[in-house]
């Protein structure tokens, strides 16, 4: 069996770039096609969990990413009155050998792009959008639109990885009647503001309850006493509906939602002040898709948001895409080793392992994942509490946290 494969990755997002690097490091001939001509630092903040950071560590990327972001040290949940419900250490502060990192999504993607270019060189091709493909035994031929020349080109490989996002062309080919992503009815408004450090200066917090919630975390170290704070405001928006196809760069006015947080002035952070400090606000509907019955079809498989778009709860979207990349690289390496079971078996193993794991997270996030503790606090003590022990039984909060960590695959070391 030939150990070296030619692999096409459709999409230069976080998952696609990590997959390309992992597969190239294993000796495969990898080419990445990205529809955008020039990547731009779109979006706002993102969190990468320790088990995904461990994958990036194998690529030698952790130290460089830490220079671009913040090593998160704690996660805290508060009610809408600013009272602490639960806090826990995160990353190295929790005993992991690698950090949890909070970073601007665009800076992360560009850093991964630069690292992938160092490994793959000209094999990362921008401005080429996947438009179709055909399979023959053991081969895939893809059609791409060269946006600069406005002409169709083709390429052939042993394997096609569809890492082309929530509106995946690859996924749509196999699930043509799926329709648009499913909207939860909630809207997210995301932005960054320059602000003095709060709590530990490395704290990620969530306050409120579903669907009236606020999330924030720093994504840069302090400069002249100020940090870049990423924040997300969330409300039920069913009455107003979606404005259209979701986008990471739809700019809206904060007056749409800021009045709903006007009295969220806590003794540790002034939320209205934080909202007012944003240069611009981006709107994004909370959407996902139902888990699929399979990702792999012969020599084509899915990865990342193309495979398992999920609500942005529990910091799992990008982290799970990175874990997909590692699992796929491992499966192919084992399959192509002397005595291995072959590519087709490897792809089925990858499919079963990652589809099962991520499908469970998609469904758990619909139930609000670990943030359910805020819902319970609102249900049991809507006016606040003198002691959290009056609201939750001993061990109840830790049990919720540990259950989600087990589900997402990052149980704290003991």
Foldseek 3Di string as FASTA:
>chain_A
DDLEWEEEEEALALLSLLLLVLQVVSPYNYFYEAQAQDQDLFFFKFKAALVLVVSVVVLVCQVVLCQAWPFAFKEWEAELQRHTQDMDTGAVNLPRPGTITMHRSRVSSVSSVVSSCVRNPPSYHYNWHWDDWDDDAQKIKTWTQNRVVRDIDIDMISAYEFAPAQPTPVLCVVVVPQDHFDFPQKKKKKFKFKDAQFDPSNYWYKYHAPQFIKTKGFTHHDDPRITIMIMMTMDRRNVPDDPDDFDRDDWDDCVVPLVSSCPSCHPGHGVSVRVVRGPTMGMGTFTWGQQDPWQDDNRYGYAANSHTGAGPAPSQRSNLSSVLSVLLSVLSNQQSPVVHVHDVVSRVVSTVVSSVLRNVVRVCVSVVQLSVSNVQCCVQPVPDDPDSCVRDPPPPSVVSVQVSCVSSPNHRDD
